[in-house]
């Protein structure tokens, strides 16, 4: 993670649709198992999903319960919480020129 990038703490629903689609490519099996915890400026513990672009490091605020609900409500995911193959292929084609997506793969291994 590049320490010099703008850091943005935001709700998943408030980022652009394009960023949401890119996040789905990085986390095709859902978000809940990839949440991290950190302390915000008020010293409160916050859980969030990390995602990095060329310009920003996003920390997308969500609880485990919220992360699971987002996937349940999203028609891009199947009943098992896996990104549907046709959706994955569509997003891969659409965002194939974005090198930072592969840089986010390290989050999947955590």
N, C-alpha and C. Protein backbone atom coordinates (compact mmCIF):
# COMPACT_ATOMS: atom_id res chain seq x y z
N UNK A 1 0.84 -1.18 0.00
CA UNK A 1 0.00 0.00 0.00
C UNK A 1 0.88 1.24 0.00
N UNK A 2 0.65 2.15 -0.93
CA UNK A 2 1.42 3.38 -1.05
C UNK A 2 0.98 4.37 0.03
N UNK A 3 1.90 4.78 0.86
CA UNK A 3 1.58 5.67 1.99
C UNK A 3 1.31 7.11 1.55
N UNK A 4 1.69 7.50 0.33
CA UNK A 4 1.54 8.89 -0.11
C UNK A 4 0.22 9.17 -0.81
N UNK A 5 -0.58 8.17 -1.03
CA UNK A 5 -1.86 8.37 -1.71
C UNK A 5 -2.90 8.95 -0.77
N UNK A 6 -3.87 9.63 -1.37
CA UNK A 6 -5.00 10.15 -0.62
C UNK A 6 -5.76 8.98 -0.01
N UNK A 7 -6.05 9.06 1.27
CA UNK A 7 -6.81 8.01 1.96
C UNK A 7 -8.25 8.48 2.12
N UNK A 8 -9.16 7.60 1.72
CA UNK A 8 -10.57 7.94 1.75
C UNK A 8 -11.32 6.88 2.57
N UNK A 9 -12.01 7.31 3.60
CA UNK A 9 -12.87 6.42 4.37
C UNK A 9 -14.29 6.75 3.94
N UNK A 10 -14.97 5.75 3.39
CA UNK A 10 -16.27 6.01 2.79
C UNK A 10 -17.12 4.75 2.87
N UNK A 11 -18.43 4.92 2.76
CA UNK A 11 -19.33 3.78 2.69
C UNK A 11 -19.32 3.21 1.28
N UNK A 12 -19.46 1.90 1.16
CA UNK A 12 -19.44 1.23 -0.13
C UNK A 12 -20.46 1.85 -1.08
N UNK A 13 -21.65 2.13 -0.59
CA UNK A 13 -22.73 2.65 -1.43
C UNK A 13 -22.43 4.04 -1.98
N UNK A 14 -21.49 4.74 -1.38
CA UNK A 14 -21.21 6.12 -1.80
C UNK A 14 -20.08 6.24 -2.81
N UNK A 15 -19.36 5.14 -3.09
CA UNK A 15 -18.34 5.21 -4.14
C UNK A 15 -19.03 5.01 -5.49
N UNK A 16 -18.38 5.42 -6.54
CA UNK A 16 -18.97 5.33 -7.87
C UNK A 16 -19.26 3.88 -8.26
N UNK A 17 -20.18 3.71 -9.17
CA UNK A 17 -20.52 2.37 -9.67
C UNK A 17 -19.28 1.71 -10.27
N UNK A 18 -18.45 2.48 -10.96
CA UNK A 18 -17.23 1.93 -11.56
C UNK A 18 -16.30 1.36 -10.49
N UNK A 19 -16.13 2.08 -9.41
CA UNK A 19 -15.28 1.59 -8.31
C UNK A 19 -15.92 0.35 -7.69
N UNK A 20 -17.23 0.35 -7.50
CA UNK A 20 -17.91 -0.83 -6.96
C UNK A 20 -17.67 -2.05 -7.84
N UNK A 21 -17.75 -1.88 -9.15
CA UNK A 21 -17.53 -2.99 -10.07
C UNK A 21 -16.10 -3.50 -9.98
N UNK A 22 -15.15 -2.60 -9.86
CA UNK A 22 -13.74 -2.99 -9.74
C UNK A 22 -13.51 -3.74 -8.43
N UNK A 23 -14.16 -3.30 -7.38
CA UNK A 23 -14.04 -3.97 -6.09
C UNK A 23 -14.56 -5.40 -6.20
N UNK A 24 -15.64 -5.59 -6.93
CA UNK A 24 -16.19 -6.94 -7.12
C UNK A 24 -15.19 -7.85 -7.82
N UNK A 25 -14.41 -7.30 -8.74
CA UNK A 25 -13.38 -8.11 -9.41
C UNK A 25 -12.29 -8.55 -8.43
N UNK A 26 -11.94 -7.68 -7.52
CA UNK A 26 -10.89 -7.98 -6.54
C UNK A 26 -11.41 -8.94 -5.47
N UNK A 27 -12.69 -8.84 -5.14
CA UNK A 27 -13.30 -9.67 -4.10
C UNK A 27 -14.48 -10.46 -4.68
N UNK A 28 -14.23 -11.39 -5.61
CA UNK A 28 -15.32 -12.10 -6.27
C UNK A 28 -16.08 -13.08 -5.36
N UNK A 29 -15.52 -13.37 -4.20
CA UNK A 29 -16.19 -14.29 -3.28
C UNK A 29 -16.75 -13.57 -2.06
N UNK A 30 -16.97 -12.27 -2.20
CA UNK A 30 -17.56 -11.51 -1.11
C UNK A 30 -16.53 -10.70 -0.34
N UNK A 31 -17.02 -9.92 0.59
CA UNK A 31 -16.19 -8.95 1.29
C UNK A 31 -15.90 -9.30 2.74
N UNK A 32 -16.80 -10.01 3.40
CA UNK A 32 -16.74 -10.14 4.86
C UNK A 32 -15.43 -10.72 5.37
N UNK A 33 -14.85 -11.67 4.64
CA UNK A 33 -13.62 -12.29 5.11
C UNK A 33 -12.38 -11.43 4.84
N UNK A 34 -12.55 -10.27 4.21
CA UNK A 34 -11.42 -9.40 3.88
C UNK A 34 -11.44 -8.08 4.64
N UNK A 35 -12.33 -7.94 5.57
CA UNK A 35 -12.41 -6.69 6.33
C UNK A 35 -11.21 -6.56 7.26
N UNK A 36 -10.77 -5.34 7.42
CA UNK A 36 -9.69 -5.05 8.37
C UNK A 36 -10.23 -4.07 9.40
N UNK A 37 -9.56 -3.99 10.52
CA UNK A 37 -9.95 -3.03 11.56
C UNK A 37 -8.84 -2.01 11.73
N UNK A 38 -9.26 -0.77 11.98
CA UNK A 38 -8.31 0.30 12.26
C UNK A 38 -8.98 1.32 13.16
N UNK A 39 -8.19 2.21 13.70
CA UNK A 39 -8.75 3.28 14.54
C UNK A 39 -8.89 4.54 13.70
N UNK A 40 -10.06 5.16 13.79
CA UNK A 40 -10.28 6.41 13.06
C UNK A 40 -9.69 7.58 13.85
N UNK A 41 -9.89 8.78 13.34
CA UNK A 41 -9.28 9.96 13.99
C UNK A 41 -9.81 10.20 15.40
N UNK A 42 -10.97 9.63 15.73
CA UNK A 42 -11.55 9.76 17.06
C UNK A 42 -11.13 8.62 17.99
N UNK A 43 -10.27 7.73 17.49
CA UNK A 43 -9.81 6.62 18.30
C UNK A 43 -10.78 5.45 18.34
N UNK A 44 -11.83 5.48 17.54
CA UNK A 44 -12.81 4.41 17.51
C UNK A 44 -12.36 3.32 16.53
N UNK A 45 -12.64 2.08 16.88
CA UNK A 45 -12.31 0.97 16.00
C UNK A 45 -13.37 0.88 14.90
N UNK A 46 -12.90 0.82 13.67
CA UNK A 46 -13.76 0.77 12.50
C UNK A 46 -13.35 -0.43 11.66
N UNK A 47 -14.33 -1.15 11.11
CA UNK A 47 -13.98 -2.22 10.17
C UNK A 47 -14.28 -1.72 8.77
N UNK A 48 -13.42 -2.11 7.84
CA UNK A 48 -13.53 -1.60 6.47
C UNK A 48 -12.91 -2.58 5.49
N UNK A 49 -13.33 -2.44 4.24
CA UNK A 49 -12.78 -3.21 3.14
C UNK A 49 -11.75 -2.35 2.42
N UNK A 50 -10.49 -2.79 2.33
CA UNK A 50 -9.48 -1.99 1.65
C UNK A 50 -9.56 -2.15 0.13
N UNK A 51 -9.32 -1.05 -0.58
CA UNK A 51 -9.26 -1.08 -2.04
C UNK A 51 -8.42 0.10 -2.49
N UNK A 52 -7.47 -0.17 -3.38
CA UNK A 52 -6.53 0.87 -3.80
C UNK A 52 -6.60 1.10 -5.30
N UNK A 53 -6.68 2.37 -5.69
CA UNK A 53 -6.60 2.77 -7.10
C UNK A 53 -5.27 3.49 -7.31
N UNK A 54 -5.06 4.01 -8.51
CA UNK A 54 -3.83 4.75 -8.77
C UNK A 54 -3.75 6.03 -7.92
N UNK A 55 -4.91 6.61 -7.62
CA UNK A 55 -4.93 7.90 -6.90
C UNK A 55 -5.27 7.80 -5.42
N UNK A 56 -6.03 6.77 -5.03
CA UNK A 56 -6.57 6.74 -3.67
C UNK A 56 -6.45 5.36 -3.04
N UNK A 57 -6.44 5.38 -1.71
CA UNK A 57 -6.61 4.17 -0.92
C UNK A 57 -7.96 4.31 -0.23
N UNK A 58 -8.87 3.45 -0.62
CA UNK A 58 -10.20 3.46 -0.03
C UNK A 58 -10.25 2.51 1.15
N UNK A 59 -10.91 2.94 2.19
CA UNK A 59 -11.31 2.08 3.29
C UNK A 59 -12.82 2.19 3.32
N UNK A 60 -13.49 1.14 2.86
CA UNK A 60 -14.94 1.16 2.71
C UNK A 60 -15.58 0.60 3.98
N UNK A 61 -16.14 1.51 4.77
CA UNK A 61 -16.71 1.15 6.07
C UNK A 61 -17.83 0.14 5.91
N UNK A 62 -17.71 -0.95 6.66
CA UNK A 62 -18.80 -1.91 6.74
C UNK A 62 -18.50 -2.93 7.83
N UNK A 63 -19.56 -3.39 8.45
CA UNK A 63 -19.45 -4.47 9.42
C UNK A 63 -19.51 -5.79 8.65
N UNK A 64 -19.22 -6.88 9.32
CA UNK A 64 -19.33 -8.20 8.68
C UNK A 64 -20.78 -8.42 8.24
N UNK A 65 -21.72 -8.05 9.09
CA UNK A 65 -23.14 -8.21 8.76
C UNK A 65 -23.49 -7.40 7.51
N UNK A 66 -23.03 -6.17 7.43
CA UNK A 66 -23.30 -5.32 6.27
C UNK A 66 -22.62 -5.88 5.02
N UNK A 67 -21.40 -6.37 5.15
CA UNK A 67 -20.68 -6.95 4.01
C UNK A 67 -21.45 -8.13 3.44
N UNK A 68 -21.97 -8.97 4.31
CA UNK A 68 -22.76 -10.13 3.85
C UNK A 68 -24.06 -9.69 3.20
N UNK A 69 -24.69 -8.66 3.77
CA UNK A 69 -25.97 -8.17 3.22
C UNK A 69 -25.77 -7.55 1.83
N UNK A 70 -24.69 -6.82 1.64
CA UNK A 70 -24.41 -6.23 0.33
C UNK A 70 -24.36 -7.32 -0.73
N UNK A 71 -23.68 -8.41 -0.44
CA UNK A 71 -23.56 -9.52 -1.39
C UNK A 71 -24.91 -10.20 -1.61
N UNK A 72 -25.66 -10.41 -0.55
CA UNK A 72 -26.99 -11.04 -0.67
C UNK A 72 -27.91 -10.22 -1.56
N UNK A 73 -27.83 -8.90 -1.44
CA UNK A 73 -28.72 -8.01 -2.19
C UNK A 73 -28.26 -7.74 -3.61
N UNK A 74 -27.03 -8.08 -3.94
CA UNK A 74 -26.44 -7.74 -5.23
C UNK A 74 -26.68 -8.86 -6.25
N UNK A 75 -27.37 -8.55 -7.32
CA UNK A 75 -27.69 -9.56 -8.34
C UNK A 75 -26.47 -9.97 -9.17
N UNK A 76 -25.34 -9.29 -9.00
CA UNK A 76 -24.10 -9.71 -9.67
C UNK A 76 -23.52 -10.98 -9.04
N UNK A 77 -23.97 -11.31 -7.82
CA UNK A 77 -23.49 -12.49 -7.11
C UNK A 77 -24.56 -13.57 -7.13
N UNK A 78 -24.10 -14.84 -7.17
CA UNK A 78 -25.04 -15.95 -7.15
C UNK A 78 -25.50 -16.24 -5.72
N UNK A 79 -26.31 -17.28 -5.56
CA UNK A 79 -26.86 -17.61 -4.24
C UNK A 79 -25.79 -18.03 -3.24
N UNK A 80 -24.62 -18.43 -3.73
CA UNK A 80 -23.52 -18.81 -2.85
C UNK A 80 -22.59 -17.64 -2.54
N UNK A 81 -22.92 -16.45 -3.02
CA UNK A 81 -22.09 -15.28 -2.75
C UNK A 81 -20.86 -15.18 -3.62
N UNK A 82 -20.91 -15.80 -4.80
CA UNK A 82 -19.79 -15.78 -5.74
C UNK A 82 -20.19 -14.92 -6.94
N UNK A 83 -19.27 -14.06 -7.37
CA UNK A 83 -19.53 -13.22 -8.53
C UNK A 83 -19.82 -14.11 -9.74
N UNK A 84 -20.94 -13.85 -10.41
CA UNK A 84 -21.35 -14.67 -11.55
C UNK A 84 -20.31 -14.55 -12.66
N UNK A 85 -20.05 -15.68 -13.34
CA UNK A 85 -19.02 -15.73 -14.38
C UNK A 85 -19.24 -14.69 -15.47
N UNK A 86 -20.47 -14.53 -15.93
CA UNK A 86 -20.73 -13.58 -17.01
C UNK A 86 -20.50 -12.14 -16.57
N UNK A 87 -20.77 -11.86 -15.31
CA UNK A 87 -20.52 -10.52 -14.76
C UNK A 87 -19.01 -10.31 -14.62
N UNK A 88 -18.33 -11.32 -14.11
CA UNK A 88 -16.89 -11.22 -13.94
C UNK A 88 -16.21 -10.97 -15.29
N UNK A 89 -16.62 -11.71 -16.32
CA UNK A 89 -16.04 -11.52 -17.65
C UNK A 89 -16.32 -10.11 -18.19
N UNK A 90 -17.53 -9.64 -17.97
CA UNK A 90 -17.91 -8.29 -18.43
C UNK A 90 -17.01 -7.23 -17.77
N UNK A 91 -16.85 -7.33 -16.44
CA UNK A 91 -16.04 -6.35 -15.72
C UNK A 91 -14.56 -6.49 -16.08
N UNK A 92 -14.09 -7.73 -16.28
CA UNK A 92 -12.69 -7.92 -16.68
C UNK A 92 -12.42 -7.26 -18.03
N UNK A 93 -13.36 -7.40 -18.96
CA UNK A 93 -13.21 -6.74 -20.27
C UNK A 93 -13.24 -5.22 -20.12
N UNK A 94 -14.17 -4.75 -19.32
CA UNK A 94 -14.36 -3.31 -19.15
C UNK A 94 -13.18 -2.63 -18.47
N UNK A 95 -12.55 -3.32 -17.53
CA UNK A 95 -11.48 -2.71 -16.73
C UNK A 95 -10.12 -3.35 -16.98
N UNK A 96 -9.95 -3.99 -18.12
CA UNK A 96 -8.71 -4.70 -18.41
C UNK A 96 -7.48 -3.80 -18.47
N UNK A 97 -7.68 -2.51 -18.70
CA UNK A 97 -6.55 -1.58 -18.80
C UNK A 97 -6.09 -1.02 -17.45
N UNK A 98 -6.74 -1.41 -16.37
CA UNK A 98 -6.40 -0.87 -15.05
C UNK A 98 -5.42 -1.79 -14.33
N UNK A 99 -4.17 -1.38 -14.33
CA UNK A 99 -3.13 -2.20 -13.71
C UNK A 99 -3.29 -2.32 -12.20
N UNK A 100 -3.88 -1.32 -11.57
CA UNK A 100 -3.98 -1.36 -10.12
C UNK A 100 -4.88 -2.47 -9.61
N UNK A 101 -5.73 -3.02 -10.46
CA UNK A 101 -6.58 -4.11 -10.00
C UNK A 101 -5.74 -5.31 -9.58
N UNK A 102 -4.70 -5.61 -10.32
CA UNK A 102 -3.83 -6.73 -9.94
C UNK A 102 -3.04 -6.41 -8.67
N UNK A 103 -2.78 -5.14 -8.42
CA UNK A 103 -2.09 -4.74 -7.20
C UNK A 103 -2.95 -5.00 -5.96
N UNK A 104 -4.26 -5.04 -6.14
CA UNK A 104 -5.18 -5.28 -5.03
C UNK A 104 -5.27 -6.75 -4.66
N UNK A 105 -4.73 -7.62 -5.48
CA UNK A 105 -4.83 -9.05 -5.22
C UNK A 105 -4.18 -9.45 -3.90
N UNK A 106 -3.22 -8.67 -3.43
CA UNK A 106 -2.59 -9.00 -2.16
C UNK A 106 -3.59 -8.93 -1.01
N UNK A 107 -4.65 -8.14 -1.14
CA UNK A 107 -5.67 -8.08 -0.10
C UNK A 107 -6.40 -9.41 0.02
N UNK A 108 -6.57 -10.11 -1.10
CA UNK A 108 -7.28 -11.38 -1.08
C UNK A 108 -6.57 -12.44 -0.25
N UNK A 109 -5.27 -12.35 -0.14
CA UNK A 109 -4.50 -13.36 0.56
C UNK A 109 -4.45 -13.15 2.06
N UNK A 110 -4.82 -11.98 2.52
CA UNK A 110 -4.73 -11.66 3.95
C UNK A 110 -5.67 -12.52 4.78
